[in-house]
């Protein structure tokens, strides 16, 4: 039987886990389930899911440990969606720190969770025809999820200041933007640290060089190809 994707649901609350599993099964996914860190890690040892729908608070530990183990074992070949009751910035940043692709709170509807699963699967699994052609040349900034998608399919998690730096650059490619307009809090000295950190993050995950460069006497310019609107 052909499935839309293989999802591992990690959730210790029985009612919510059953709802998620039943809904995703009905929508055509293959689904495994676990209620603890231990069971989750055992499942990851045996097979690779396409996606992990992951609760943070588990009875025998933190879901962040499961995310870190999945990244160590399968790198970026598995998608991670954090689903938790904690919606504050500290928990979102912790999730991004271990490579979570999407962060959702538990009052998110089942239909929206399904949509996130399908969108992430499309990003992770390009069609065979796309693989047969030359790789895409566009960069894509997702300012809702705080991510930069590179032309080779890598995902760069961003901070708010990095999003604020990239957004005006990518909105006007090949047009130099002034440092004062790109600087966090209007302080140009802070911009250098933001740019250096962002360069290192892109170079760490992508074979493509950072898509921006400094312009002497002005600021920075976006040099890559943005997606077609």
N, C-alpha and C. Protein backbone atom coordinates (compact mmCIF):
# COMPACT_ATOMS: atom_id res chain seq x y z
N UNK A 1 0.85 -1.20 0.00
CA UNK A 1 0.00 0.00 0.00
C UNK A 1 0.88 1.25 0.00
N UNK A 2 0.57 2.17 -0.87
CA UNK A 2 1.33 3.41 -0.96
C UNK A 2 0.89 4.38 0.13
N UNK A 3 1.87 4.93 0.87
CA UNK A 3 1.57 5.89 1.93
C UNK A 3 2.08 7.28 1.53
N UNK A 4 1.45 8.31 2.10
CA UNK A 4 1.86 9.69 1.83
C UNK A 4 3.15 10.05 2.55
N UNK A 5 3.53 9.28 3.55
CA UNK A 5 4.74 9.55 4.31
C UNK A 5 4.70 8.77 5.61
N UNK A 6 5.87 8.59 6.21
CA UNK A 6 5.99 7.83 7.44
C UNK A 6 6.21 8.81 8.59
N UNK A 7 5.28 8.86 9.54
CA UNK A 7 5.32 9.81 10.65
C UNK A 7 5.47 9.05 11.96
N UNK A 8 6.39 9.50 12.79
CA UNK A 8 6.51 9.01 14.17
C UNK A 8 5.88 10.04 15.09
N UNK A 9 4.80 9.66 15.76
CA UNK A 9 4.12 10.53 16.72
C UNK A 9 4.64 10.21 18.11
N UNK A 10 5.24 11.21 18.76
CA UNK A 10 5.76 11.04 20.12
C UNK A 10 4.95 11.96 21.04
N UNK A 11 4.09 11.37 21.83
CA UNK A 11 3.17 12.13 22.69
C UNK A 11 2.75 11.25 23.86
N UNK A 12 2.92 11.74 25.09
CA UNK A 12 2.61 10.92 26.26
C UNK A 12 1.15 11.01 26.70
N UNK A 13 0.42 12.00 26.22
CA UNK A 13 -0.99 12.13 26.58
C UNK A 13 -1.82 11.20 25.69
N UNK A 14 -2.40 10.13 26.26
CA UNK A 14 -3.04 9.10 25.41
C UNK A 14 -4.11 9.63 24.47
N UNK A 15 -5.00 10.48 24.96
CA UNK A 15 -6.10 10.95 24.12
C UNK A 15 -5.58 11.73 22.92
N UNK A 16 -4.61 12.61 23.14
CA UNK A 16 -4.07 13.40 22.05
C UNK A 16 -3.29 12.52 21.08
N UNK A 17 -2.53 11.56 21.61
CA UNK A 17 -1.77 10.66 20.75
C UNK A 17 -2.70 9.85 19.85
N UNK A 18 -3.78 9.33 20.43
CA UNK A 18 -4.73 8.54 19.65
C UNK A 18 -5.38 9.40 18.57
N UNK A 19 -5.75 10.63 18.92
CA UNK A 19 -6.35 11.53 17.93
C UNK A 19 -5.38 11.78 16.77
N UNK A 20 -4.13 12.07 17.08
CA UNK A 20 -3.14 12.34 16.05
C UNK A 20 -2.92 11.11 15.17
N UNK A 21 -2.74 9.96 15.80
CA UNK A 21 -2.46 8.73 15.04
C UNK A 21 -3.65 8.38 14.15
N UNK A 22 -4.85 8.39 14.71
CA UNK A 22 -6.04 8.03 13.93
C UNK A 22 -6.25 8.99 12.77
N UNK A 23 -6.06 10.27 13.02
CA UNK A 23 -6.27 11.26 11.95
C UNK A 23 -5.25 11.08 10.83
N UNK A 24 -3.99 10.93 11.19
CA UNK A 24 -2.95 10.81 10.16
C UNK A 24 -3.09 9.50 9.38
N UNK A 25 -3.48 8.42 10.06
CA UNK A 25 -3.74 7.17 9.36
C UNK A 25 -4.88 7.34 8.35
N UNK A 26 -5.95 8.03 8.78
CA UNK A 26 -7.09 8.25 7.89
C UNK A 26 -6.73 9.12 6.70
N UNK A 27 -5.71 9.96 6.87
CA UNK A 27 -5.29 10.86 5.79
C UNK A 27 -4.20 10.25 4.90
N UNK A 28 -3.90 8.97 5.12
CA UNK A 28 -3.02 8.28 4.19
C UNK A 28 -1.58 8.13 4.62
N UNK A 29 -1.24 8.50 5.86
CA UNK A 29 0.14 8.37 6.33
C UNK A 29 0.35 7.01 6.98
N UNK A 30 1.57 6.54 6.94
CA UNK A 30 1.99 5.42 7.78
C UNK A 30 2.44 6.02 9.11
N UNK A 31 1.99 5.47 10.22
CA UNK A 31 2.24 6.10 11.52
C UNK A 31 2.78 5.10 12.53
N UNK A 32 3.87 5.45 13.18
CA UNK A 32 4.34 4.78 14.39
C UNK A 32 4.09 5.73 15.56
N UNK A 33 4.04 5.17 16.77
CA UNK A 33 3.76 6.02 17.92
C UNK A 33 4.60 5.60 19.11
N UNK A 34 4.87 6.59 19.98
CA UNK A 34 5.62 6.34 21.22
C UNK A 34 5.15 7.35 22.26
N UNK A 35 5.28 6.96 23.54
CA UNK A 35 4.86 7.84 24.63
C UNK A 35 6.03 8.27 25.50
N UNK A 36 7.22 7.76 25.23
CA UNK A 36 8.39 8.07 26.06
C UNK A 36 9.61 8.31 25.19
N UNK A 37 10.62 8.93 25.79
CA UNK A 37 11.90 9.09 25.10
C UNK A 37 12.50 7.73 24.76
N UNK A 38 12.46 6.81 25.72
CA UNK A 38 13.06 5.49 25.51
C UNK A 38 12.44 4.78 24.32
N UNK A 39 11.11 4.75 24.24
CA UNK A 39 10.45 4.07 23.12
C UNK A 39 10.74 4.78 21.80
N UNK A 40 10.79 6.11 21.84
CA UNK A 40 11.08 6.88 20.63
C UNK A 40 12.46 6.55 20.09
N UNK A 41 13.45 6.53 20.97
CA UNK A 41 14.82 6.25 20.55
C UNK A 41 14.95 4.82 20.03
N UNK A 42 14.21 3.89 20.63
CA UNK A 42 14.23 2.51 20.14
C UNK A 42 13.65 2.42 18.73
N UNK A 43 12.58 3.15 18.46
CA UNK A 43 11.99 3.17 17.12
C UNK A 43 12.95 3.79 16.11
N UNK A 44 13.64 4.85 16.51
CA UNK A 44 14.59 5.50 15.60
C UNK A 44 15.77 4.59 15.28
N UNK A 45 16.11 3.68 16.18
CA UNK A 45 17.18 2.72 15.92
C UNK A 45 16.77 1.73 14.84
N UNK A 46 15.48 1.40 14.78
CA UNK A 46 15.00 0.35 13.87
C UNK A 46 14.65 0.87 12.49
N UNK A 47 14.13 2.11 12.41
CA UNK A 47 13.71 2.62 11.10
C UNK A 47 13.72 4.14 11.10
N UNK A 48 13.81 4.70 9.92
CA UNK A 48 13.83 6.16 9.77
C UNK A 48 12.46 6.65 9.32
N UNK A 49 11.77 7.42 10.15
CA UNK A 49 10.54 8.05 9.67
C UNK A 49 10.86 9.23 8.76
N UNK A 50 9.89 9.64 7.98
CA UNK A 50 10.07 10.86 7.19
C UNK A 50 9.93 12.09 8.08
N UNK A 51 9.01 12.01 9.04
CA UNK A 51 8.73 13.13 9.95
C UNK A 51 8.59 12.61 11.37
N UNK A 52 8.96 13.45 12.33
CA UNK A 52 8.68 13.18 13.74
C UNK A 52 7.80 14.30 14.27
N UNK A 53 6.63 13.94 14.77
CA UNK A 53 5.73 14.88 15.43
C UNK A 53 5.98 14.72 16.92
N UNK A 54 6.63 15.70 17.53
CA UNK A 54 7.33 15.47 18.80
C UNK A 54 6.86 16.39 19.92
N UNK A 55 6.41 15.77 21.01
CA UNK A 55 6.07 16.51 22.23
C UNK A 55 7.37 16.82 22.98
N UNK A 56 7.41 17.97 23.65
CA UNK A 56 8.61 18.32 24.43
C UNK A 56 8.63 17.65 25.79
N UNK A 57 7.52 17.68 26.51
CA UNK A 57 7.47 17.17 27.88
C UNK A 57 7.06 15.70 27.87
N UNK A 58 8.03 14.82 28.14
CA UNK A 58 7.78 13.39 28.17
C UNK A 58 8.09 12.86 29.58
N UNK A 59 7.47 11.75 29.98
CA UNK A 59 7.61 11.30 31.37
C UNK A 59 9.02 10.90 31.78
N UNK A 60 9.85 10.50 30.82
CA UNK A 60 11.20 10.05 31.17
C UNK A 60 12.29 10.96 30.60
N UNK A 61 11.92 12.19 30.25
CA UNK A 61 12.92 13.10 29.72
C UNK A 61 12.31 14.18 28.84
N UNK A 62 13.16 14.84 28.09
CA UNK A 62 12.76 15.97 27.25
C UNK A 62 12.78 15.56 25.79
N UNK A 63 11.75 15.94 25.05
CA UNK A 63 11.69 15.63 23.63
C UNK A 63 12.85 16.20 22.84
N UNK A 64 13.52 17.22 23.39
CA UNK A 64 14.69 17.78 22.70
C UNK A 64 15.77 16.71 22.52
N UNK A 65 15.86 15.77 23.46
CA UNK A 65 16.84 14.70 23.35
C UNK A 65 16.52 13.78 22.17
N UNK A 66 15.23 13.55 21.93
CA UNK A 66 14.81 12.74 20.79
C UNK A 66 15.16 13.45 19.49
N UNK A 67 14.89 14.76 19.44
CA UNK A 67 15.21 15.54 18.25
C UNK A 67 16.71 15.51 17.97
N UNK A 68 17.51 15.68 19.02
CA UNK A 68 18.96 15.68 18.84
C UNK A 68 19.45 14.32 18.34
N UNK A 69 18.88 13.24 18.88
CA UNK A 69 19.27 11.90 18.44
C UNK A 69 18.89 11.65 16.99
N UNK A 70 17.70 12.13 16.59
CA UNK A 70 17.27 11.97 15.20
C UNK A 70 18.19 12.73 14.25
N UNK A 71 18.59 13.94 14.64
CA UNK A 71 19.49 14.72 13.80
C UNK A 71 20.86 14.05 13.71
N UNK A 72 21.34 13.50 14.83
CA UNK A 72 22.65 12.86 14.82
C UNK A 72 22.64 11.61 13.94
N UNK A 73 21.54 10.87 13.97
CA UNK A 73 21.47 9.61 13.23
C UNK A 73 21.12 9.81 11.76
N UNK A 74 20.18 10.72 11.47
CA UNK A 74 19.67 10.87 10.11
C UNK A 74 19.91 12.26 9.52
N UNK A 75 20.55 13.14 10.27
CA UNK A 75 20.86 14.49 9.83
C UNK A 75 19.58 15.19 9.35
N UNK A 76 19.61 15.79 8.16
CA UNK A 76 18.46 16.56 7.68
C UNK A 76 17.47 15.71 6.87
N UNK A 77 17.69 14.36 6.86
CA UNK A 77 16.81 13.50 6.08
C UNK A 77 15.48 13.25 6.77
N UNK A 78 15.33 13.69 8.00
CA UNK A 78 14.07 13.53 8.72
C UNK A 78 13.57 14.91 9.15
N UNK A 79 12.28 15.15 8.99
CA UNK A 79 11.69 16.41 9.42
C UNK A 79 11.22 16.33 10.87
N UNK A 80 11.32 17.42 11.59
CA UNK A 80 10.93 17.44 13.00
C UNK A 80 9.94 18.58 13.24
N UNK A 81 8.75 18.21 13.71
CA UNK A 81 7.73 19.19 14.07
C UNK A 81 7.51 19.10 15.57
N UNK A 82 7.86 20.16 16.29
CA UNK A 82 7.63 20.22 17.73
C UNK A 82 6.16 20.56 17.99
N UNK A 83 5.53 19.78 18.82
CA UNK A 83 4.13 20.02 19.19
C UNK A 83 4.07 20.03 20.72
N UNK A 84 3.83 21.20 21.30
CA UNK A 84 3.95 21.31 22.75
C UNK A 84 3.00 22.36 23.31
N UNK A 85 2.79 22.27 24.60
CA UNK A 85 1.96 23.26 25.29
C UNK A 85 2.72 24.55 25.55
N UNK A 86 4.05 24.52 25.41
CA UNK A 86 4.86 25.69 25.70
C UNK A 86 5.03 26.53 24.43
N UNK A 87 4.48 27.74 24.44
CA UNK A 87 4.56 28.58 23.25
C UNK A 87 5.49 29.76 23.39
N UNK A 88 6.26 29.84 24.49
CA UNK A 88 7.11 31.00 24.70
C UNK A 88 8.37 30.94 23.84
N UNK A 89 9.03 32.08 23.72
CA UNK A 89 10.19 32.18 22.85
C UNK A 89 11.32 31.26 23.28
N UNK A 90 11.54 31.12 24.58
CA UNK A 90 12.65 30.28 25.06
C UNK A 90 12.50 28.84 24.58
N UNK A 91 11.29 28.30 24.63
CA UNK A 91 11.08 26.93 24.19
C UNK A 91 11.19 26.83 22.67
N UNK A 92 10.71 27.84 21.94
CA UNK A 92 10.86 27.81 20.48
C UNK A 92 12.33 27.82 20.09
N UNK A 93 13.12 28.65 20.76
CA UNK A 93 14.54 28.72 20.44
C UNK A 93 15.26 27.43 20.81
N UNK A 94 14.85 26.81 21.91
CA UNK A 94 15.45 25.53 22.28
C UNK A 94 15.15 24.47 21.22
N UNK A 95 13.92 24.47 20.71
CA UNK A 95 13.56 23.54 19.65
C UNK A 95 14.36 23.77 18.39
N UNK A 96 14.54 25.02 18.02
CA UNK A 96 15.33 25.33 16.83
C UNK A 96 16.80 24.98 17.05
N UNK A 97 17.25 25.06 18.30
CA UNK A 97 18.64 24.76 18.59
C UNK A 97 19.01 23.31 18.31
N UNK A 98 18.03 22.40 18.38
CA UNK A 98 18.31 21.00 18.07
C UNK A 98 17.79 20.63 16.68
N UNK A 99 17.42 21.63 15.89
CA UNK A 99 17.09 21.37 14.50
C UNK A 99 15.63 21.15 14.19
N UNK A 100 14.71 21.59 15.06
CA UNK A 100 13.29 21.47 14.73
C UNK A 100 12.96 22.32 13.51
N UNK A 101 12.17 21.75 12.59
CA UNK A 101 11.79 22.48 11.38
C UNK A 101 10.59 23.39 11.61
N UNK A 102 9.65 22.93 12.42
CA UNK A 102 8.41 23.67 12.66
C UNK A 102 8.06 23.53 14.14
N UNK A 103 7.50 24.58 14.71
CA UNK A 103 7.12 24.59 16.13
C UNK A 103 5.64 24.94 16.23
N UNK A 104 4.82 24.01 16.75
CA UNK A 104 3.39 24.23 16.87
C UNK A 104 2.96 24.05 18.33
N UNK A 105 1.97 24.84 18.74
CA UNK A 105 1.40 24.65 20.07
C UNK A 105 0.24 23.67 19.97
N UNK A 106 -0.15 23.10 21.13
CA UNK A 106 -1.08 21.97 21.12
C UNK A 106 -2.52 22.32 20.78
N UNK A 107 -2.84 23.61 20.72
CA UNK A 107 -4.20 23.95 20.29
C UNK A 107 -4.30 24.08 18.77
N UNK A 108 -3.22 23.73 18.06
CA UNK A 108 -3.25 23.72 16.60
C UNK A 108 -4.21 22.63 16.14
N UNK A 109 -5.02 22.92 15.11
CA UNK A 109 -6.00 21.95 14.64
C UNK A 109 -5.31 20.78 13.93
N UNK A 110 -6.01 19.65 13.88
CA UNK A 110 -5.47 18.48 13.18
C UNK A 110 -5.26 18.77 11.70
N UNK A 111 -6.13 19.55 11.10
CA UNK A 111 -5.97 19.89 9.68
C UNK A 111 -4.71 20.72 9.46
N UNK A 112 -4.42 21.64 10.38
CA UNK A 112 -3.21 22.46 10.23
C UNK A 112 -1.96 21.61 10.44
N UNK A 113 -2.02 20.68 11.39
CA UNK A 113 -0.89 19.78 11.60
C UNK A 113 -0.64 18.95 10.35
N UNK A 114 -1.71 18.44 9.75
CA UNK A 114 -1.56 17.68 8.50
C UNK A 114 -0.93 18.54 7.41
N UNK A 115 -1.39 19.79 7.29
CA UNK A 115 -0.84 20.69 6.27
C UNK A 115 0.65 20.92 6.48
N UNK A 116 1.04 21.10 7.74
CA UNK A 116 2.47 21.29 8.04
C UNK A 116 3.26 20.04 7.67
N UNK A 117 2.71 18.87 7.96
CA UNK A 117 3.38 17.62 7.61
C UNK A 117 3.59 17.52 6.10
N UNK A 118 2.55 17.81 5.34
CA UNK A 118 2.65 17.69 3.88
C UNK A 118 3.61 18.74 3.31
N UNK A 119 3.56 19.95 3.81
CA UNK A 119 4.48 20.99 3.32
C UNK A 119 5.93 20.61 3.61
N UNK A 120 6.18 20.09 4.80
CA UNK A 120 7.54 19.71 5.15
C UNK A 120 8.00 18.51 4.33
N UNK A 121 7.12 17.56 4.07
CA UNK A 121 7.46 16.42 3.24
C UNK A 121 7.83 16.85 1.82
N UNK A 122 7.08 17.81 1.28
CA UNK A 122 7.40 18.30 -0.07
C UNK A 122 8.78 18.94 -0.10
N UNK A 123 9.13 19.63 0.97
CA UNK A 123 10.43 20.28 1.04
C UNK A 123 11.56 19.25 1.17
N UNK A 124 11.29 18.18 1.92
CA UNK A 124 12.33 17.19 2.18
C UNK A 124 12.48 16.18 1.04
N UNK A 125 11.41 15.94 0.29
CA UNK A 125 11.42 14.90 -0.72
C UNK A 125 11.07 15.48 -2.08
N UNK A 126 12.05 16.10 -2.78
CA UNK A 126 11.79 16.63 -4.12
C UNK A 126 11.45 15.50 -5.08
N UNK A 127 10.69 15.82 -6.08
CA UNK A 127 10.25 14.81 -7.04
C UNK A 127 11.43 14.30 -7.85
N UNK A 128 11.34 13.05 -8.37
CA UNK A 128 12.41 12.51 -9.19
C UNK A 128 12.74 13.38 -10.40
N UNK A 129 11.71 14.00 -10.98
CA UNK A 129 11.96 14.86 -12.15
C UNK A 129 12.78 16.08 -11.76
N UNK A 130 12.57 16.58 -10.52
CA UNK A 130 13.36 17.72 -10.08
C UNK A 130 14.81 17.32 -9.87
N UNK A 131 15.03 16.08 -9.36
CA UNK A 131 16.39 15.61 -9.15
C UNK A 131 17.13 15.40 -10.46
N UNK A 132 16.38 15.10 -11.54
CA UNK A 132 17.01 14.80 -12.82
C UNK A 132 17.50 16.07 -13.50
N UNK A 133 16.99 17.21 -13.10
CA UNK A 133 17.40 18.46 -13.72
C UNK A 133 18.45 19.14 -12.86
N UNK A 134 18.92 20.28 -13.32
CA UNK A 134 19.90 21.01 -12.54
C UNK A 134 19.26 21.53 -11.26
N UNK A 135 20.02 21.64 -10.18
CA UNK A 135 19.45 22.07 -8.90
C UNK A 135 18.92 23.49 -8.98
N UNK A 136 17.93 23.81 -8.16
CA UNK A 136 17.38 25.15 -8.18
C UNK A 136 18.42 26.18 -7.77
N UNK A 137 18.26 27.39 -8.25
CA UNK A 137 19.22 28.45 -7.94
C UNK A 137 18.64 29.47 -6.97
N UNK A 138 17.39 29.29 -6.57
CA UNK A 138 16.73 30.30 -5.75
C UNK A 138 16.95 30.05 -4.26
N UNK A 139 16.97 31.14 -3.52
CA UNK A 139 16.94 31.11 -2.06
C UNK A 139 15.54 31.50 -1.62
N UNK A 140 15.10 30.96 -0.50
CA UNK A 140 13.76 31.29 -0.01
C UNK A 140 13.81 31.62 1.47
N UNK A 141 13.28 32.77 1.83
CA UNK A 141 13.21 33.19 3.23
C UNK A 141 11.80 32.94 3.75
N UNK A 142 11.69 32.10 4.77
CA UNK A 142 10.41 31.86 5.44
C UNK A 142 10.43 32.66 6.73
N UNK A 143 9.86 33.87 6.69
CA UNK A 143 9.93 34.74 7.86
C UNK A 143 8.89 34.38 8.92
N UNK A 144 8.00 33.42 8.61
CA UNK A 144 7.07 32.93 9.63
C UNK A 144 7.74 31.84 10.49
N UNK A 145 8.50 30.97 9.84
CA UNK A 145 9.17 29.88 10.55
C UNK A 145 10.62 30.22 10.90
N UNK A 146 11.07 31.42 10.50
CA UNK A 146 12.45 31.86 10.78
C UNK A 146 13.45 30.88 10.17
N UNK A 147 13.34 30.67 8.86
CA UNK A 147 14.22 29.74 8.17
C UNK A 147 14.65 30.33 6.83
N UNK A 148 15.88 30.01 6.43
CA UNK A 148 16.38 30.32 5.10
C UNK A 148 16.59 28.99 4.39
N UNK A 149 15.91 28.78 3.25
CA UNK A 149 16.06 27.57 2.45
C UNK A 149 17.08 27.85 1.35
N UNK A 150 18.13 27.04 1.29
CA UNK A 150 19.21 27.25 0.34
C UNK A 150 18.91 26.54 -0.98
N UNK A 151 19.62 26.88 -2.05
CA UNK A 151 19.37 26.22 -3.34
C UNK A 151 19.62 24.72 -3.33
N UNK A 152 20.46 24.22 -2.42
CA UNK A 152 20.71 22.77 -2.38
C UNK A 152 19.80 22.06 -1.39
N UNK A 153 18.76 22.76 -0.91
CA UNK A 153 17.76 22.12 -0.06
C UNK A 153 18.06 22.15 1.42
N UNK A 154 19.14 22.78 1.83
CA UNK A 154 19.44 22.88 3.25
C UNK A 154 18.53 23.91 3.92
N UNK A 155 18.35 23.75 5.23
CA UNK A 155 17.52 24.67 6.00
C UNK A 155 18.40 25.34 7.05
N UNK A 156 18.42 26.67 7.04
CA UNK A 156 19.21 27.43 7.99
C UNK A 156 18.26 28.07 9.00
N UNK A 157 18.25 27.64 10.26
CA UNK A 157 17.40 28.30 11.26
C UNK A 157 17.93 29.70 11.54
N UNK A 158 17.01 30.65 11.67
CA UNK A 158 17.38 32.05 11.83
C UNK A 158 16.92 32.62 13.15
N UNK A 159 17.57 33.68 13.57
CA UNK A 159 17.10 34.48 14.70
C UNK A 159 16.27 35.64 14.14
N UNK A 160 15.60 36.35 15.04
CA UNK A 160 14.80 37.49 14.60
C UNK A 160 15.65 38.55 13.92
N UNK A 161 16.86 38.80 14.43
CA UNK A 161 17.73 39.82 13.83
C UNK A 161 18.23 39.37 12.46
N UNK A 162 18.44 38.07 12.28
CA UNK A 162 18.88 37.57 10.97
C UNK A 162 17.75 37.67 9.94
N UNK A 163 16.52 37.39 10.37
CA UNK A 163 15.38 37.57 9.47
C UNK A 163 15.25 39.04 9.07
N UNK A 164 15.39 39.94 10.07
CA UNK A 164 15.28 41.38 9.79
C UNK A 164 16.39 41.86 8.85
N UNK A 165 17.55 41.23 8.89
CA UNK A 165 18.64 41.58 7.98
C UNK A 165 18.36 41.09 6.56
N UNK A 166 17.90 39.84 6.44
CA UNK A 166 17.72 39.24 5.12
C UNK A 166 16.48 39.75 4.37
N UNK A 167 15.43 40.06 5.12
CA UNK A 167 14.15 40.37 4.46
C UNK A 167 14.25 41.55 3.50
N UNK A 168 14.79 42.71 3.90
CA UNK A 168 14.89 43.81 2.94
C UNK A 168 15.89 43.54 1.81
N UNK A 169 16.95 42.78 2.11
CA UNK A 169 17.92 42.44 1.06
C UNK A 169 17.27 41.59 -0.03
N UNK A 170 16.52 40.56 0.38
CA UNK A 170 15.92 39.65 -0.58
C UNK A 170 14.72 40.26 -1.29
N UNK A 171 14.13 41.28 -0.68
CA UNK A 171 13.01 41.97 -1.34
C UNK A 171 13.49 42.84 -2.49
N UNK A 172 14.76 43.22 -2.48
CA UNK A 172 15.32 44.06 -3.54
C UNK A 172 16.68 43.51 -3.96
N UNK A 173 16.71 42.33 -4.61
CA UNK A 173 17.99 41.71 -4.96
C UNK A 173 18.83 42.60 -5.86
N UNK A 174 20.15 42.56 -5.62
CA UNK A 174 21.15 43.28 -6.41
C UNK A 174 21.05 44.80 -6.25
N UNK A 175 20.33 45.26 -5.25
CA UNK A 175 20.27 46.68 -4.93
C UNK A 175 20.84 46.86 -3.53
N UNK A 176 21.89 47.66 -3.41
CA UNK A 176 22.57 47.82 -2.12
C UNK A 176 21.64 48.49 -1.10
N UNK A 177 21.68 47.95 0.12
CA UNK A 177 20.90 48.50 1.23
C UNK A 177 21.85 49.12 2.25
N UNK A 178 21.46 50.25 2.80
CA UNK A 178 22.32 50.96 3.74
C UNK A 178 22.45 50.20 5.06
N UNK A 179 23.64 50.30 5.66
CA UNK A 179 23.88 49.62 6.94
C UNK A 179 22.90 50.07 8.02
N UNK A 180 22.61 51.35 8.05
CA UNK A 180 21.71 51.86 9.09
C UNK A 180 20.32 51.25 8.98
N UNK A 181 19.90 50.94 7.74
CA UNK A 181 18.57 50.36 7.54
C UNK A 181 18.53 48.88 7.87
N UNK A 182 19.70 48.24 7.90
CA UNK A 182 19.78 46.81 8.17
C UNK A 182 20.20 46.48 9.59
N UNK A 183 20.59 47.49 10.35
CA UNK A 183 21.21 47.27 11.65
C UNK A 183 20.19 47.05 12.75
N UNK A 184 20.40 46.04 13.61
CA UNK A 184 19.50 45.83 14.76
C UNK A 184 19.50 47.04 15.68
N UNK A 185 18.31 47.56 15.94
CA UNK A 185 18.20 48.71 16.82
C UNK A 185 18.84 49.97 16.26
N UNK A 186 19.10 49.98 14.95
CA UNK A 186 19.72 51.14 14.34
C UNK A 186 21.18 51.34 14.72
N UNK A 187 21.81 50.32 15.30
CA UNK A 187 23.20 50.41 15.73
C UNK A 187 24.09 49.61 14.77
N UNK A 188 24.82 50.29 13.88
CA UNK A 188 25.61 49.58 12.86
C UNK A 188 26.63 48.62 13.43
N UNK A 189 27.16 48.87 14.63
CA UNK A 189 28.16 47.98 15.20
C UNK A 189 27.60 46.59 15.44
N UNK A 190 26.31 46.50 15.72
CA UNK A 190 25.69 45.20 15.96
C UNK A 190 25.54 44.40 14.66
N UNK A 191 25.52 45.07 13.53
CA UNK A 191 25.27 44.41 12.26
C UNK A 191 26.40 43.45 11.90
N UNK A 192 27.64 43.82 12.20
CA UNK A 192 28.77 42.98 11.83
C UNK A 192 28.68 41.61 12.50
N UNK A 193 28.27 41.58 13.76
CA UNK A 193 28.14 40.31 14.47
C UNK A 193 27.02 39.46 13.88
N UNK A 194 25.91 40.10 13.49
CA UNK A 194 24.79 39.38 12.87
C UNK A 194 25.24 38.75 11.56
N UNK A 195 25.94 39.53 10.73
CA UNK A 195 26.37 39.04 9.42
C UNK A 195 27.38 37.91 9.56
N UNK A 196 28.33 38.04 10.47
CA UNK A 196 29.33 37.00 10.68
C UNK A 196 28.68 35.70 11.12
N UNK A 197 27.76 35.79 12.07
CA UNK A 197 27.07 34.58 12.56
C UNK A 197 26.26 33.93 11.44
N UNK A 198 25.58 34.74 10.64
CA UNK A 198 24.75 34.20 9.56
C UNK A 198 25.61 33.54 8.49
N UNK A 199 26.76 34.15 8.15
CA UNK A 199 27.67 33.54 7.18
C UNK A 199 28.10 32.15 7.64
N UNK A 200 28.48 32.05 8.90
CA UNK A 200 28.95 30.77 9.44
C UNK A 200 27.86 29.72 9.42
N UNK A 201 26.63 30.12 9.75
CA UNK A 201 25.52 29.17 9.76
C UNK A 201 25.23 28.64 8.36
N UNK A 202 25.25 29.53 7.36
CA UNK A 202 25.00 29.10 5.98
C UNK A 202 26.12 28.19 5.49
N UNK A 203 27.36 28.58 5.74
CA UNK A 203 28.50 27.79 5.27
C UNK A 203 28.56 26.43 5.94
N UNK A 204 27.99 26.32 7.15
CA UNK A 204 28.03 25.05 7.87
C UNK A 204 27.10 24.00 7.28
N UNK A 205 26.03 24.43 6.60
CA UNK A 205 25.03 23.47 6.12
C UNK A 205 24.89 23.41 4.61
N UNK A 206 25.43 24.38 3.89
CA UNK A 206 25.18 24.47 2.45
C UNK A 206 26.48 24.54 1.66
N UNK A 207 26.44 23.97 0.45
CA UNK A 207 27.59 24.08 -0.45
C UNK A 207 27.60 25.43 -1.18
N UNK A 208 26.51 26.17 -1.07
CA UNK A 208 26.42 27.48 -1.71
C UNK A 208 26.96 28.57 -0.78
N UNK A 209 27.70 29.52 -1.30
CA UNK A 209 28.20 30.62 -0.46
C UNK A 209 27.05 31.51 -0.01
N UNK A 210 27.22 32.25 1.07
CA UNK A 210 26.17 33.17 1.52
C UNK A 210 25.75 34.11 0.38
N UNK A 211 24.45 34.34 0.20
CA UNK A 211 23.97 35.09 -0.96
C UNK A 211 23.94 36.60 -0.76
N UNK A 212 24.92 37.13 -0.05
CA UNK A 212 24.99 38.58 0.15
C UNK A 212 26.45 38.97 0.29
N UNK A 213 26.74 40.21 0.01
CA UNK A 213 28.11 40.69 0.16
C UNK A 213 28.09 42.15 0.59
N UNK A 214 29.20 42.56 1.18
CA UNK A 214 29.32 43.95 1.61
C UNK A 214 29.58 44.86 0.40
N UNK A 215 29.03 46.04 0.45
CA UNK A 215 29.25 47.05 -0.59
C UNK A 215 29.96 48.23 0.07
N UNK A 216 31.16 48.50 -0.38
CA UNK A 216 31.98 49.53 0.26
C UNK A 216 31.26 50.88 0.24
N UNK A 217 31.21 51.51 1.41
CA UNK A 217 30.61 52.84 1.51
C UNK A 217 29.10 52.84 1.54
N UNK A 218 28.47 51.66 1.46
CA UNK A 218 27.01 51.63 1.46
C UNK A 218 26.49 50.68 2.53
N UNK A 219 26.57 49.38 2.29
CA UNK A 219 26.03 48.42 3.24
C UNK A 219 26.18 47.02 2.70
N UNK A 220 25.05 46.40 2.35
CA UNK A 220 25.05 45.02 1.86
C UNK A 220 24.08 44.91 0.69
N UNK A 221 24.33 43.87 -0.14
CA UNK A 221 23.47 43.61 -1.29
C UNK A 221 23.23 42.11 -1.37
N UNK A 222 22.02 41.73 -1.73
CA UNK A 222 21.67 40.32 -1.95
C UNK A 222 22.13 39.93 -3.34
N UNK A 223 22.98 38.89 -3.44
CA UNK A 223 23.56 38.51 -4.72
C UNK A 223 23.00 37.23 -5.29
N UNK A 224 22.17 36.51 -4.49
CA UNK A 224 21.60 35.26 -4.96
C UNK A 224 20.33 35.49 -5.76
N UNK A 225 19.75 34.38 -6.25
CA UNK A 225 18.49 34.44 -6.99
C UNK A 225 17.35 34.14 -6.05
N UNK A 226 16.46 35.11 -5.80
CA UNK A 226 15.30 34.84 -4.94
C UNK A 226 14.26 34.03 -5.70
N UNK A 227 13.32 33.36 -5.00
CA UNK A 227 12.28 32.59 -5.69
C UNK A 227 11.40 33.50 -6.52
N UNK A 228 10.86 32.93 -7.59
CA UNK A 228 9.93 33.67 -8.44
C UNK A 228 8.61 33.86 -7.72
N UNK A 229 8.06 35.06 -7.80
CA UNK A 229 6.78 35.32 -7.13
C UNK A 229 5.63 34.91 -8.04
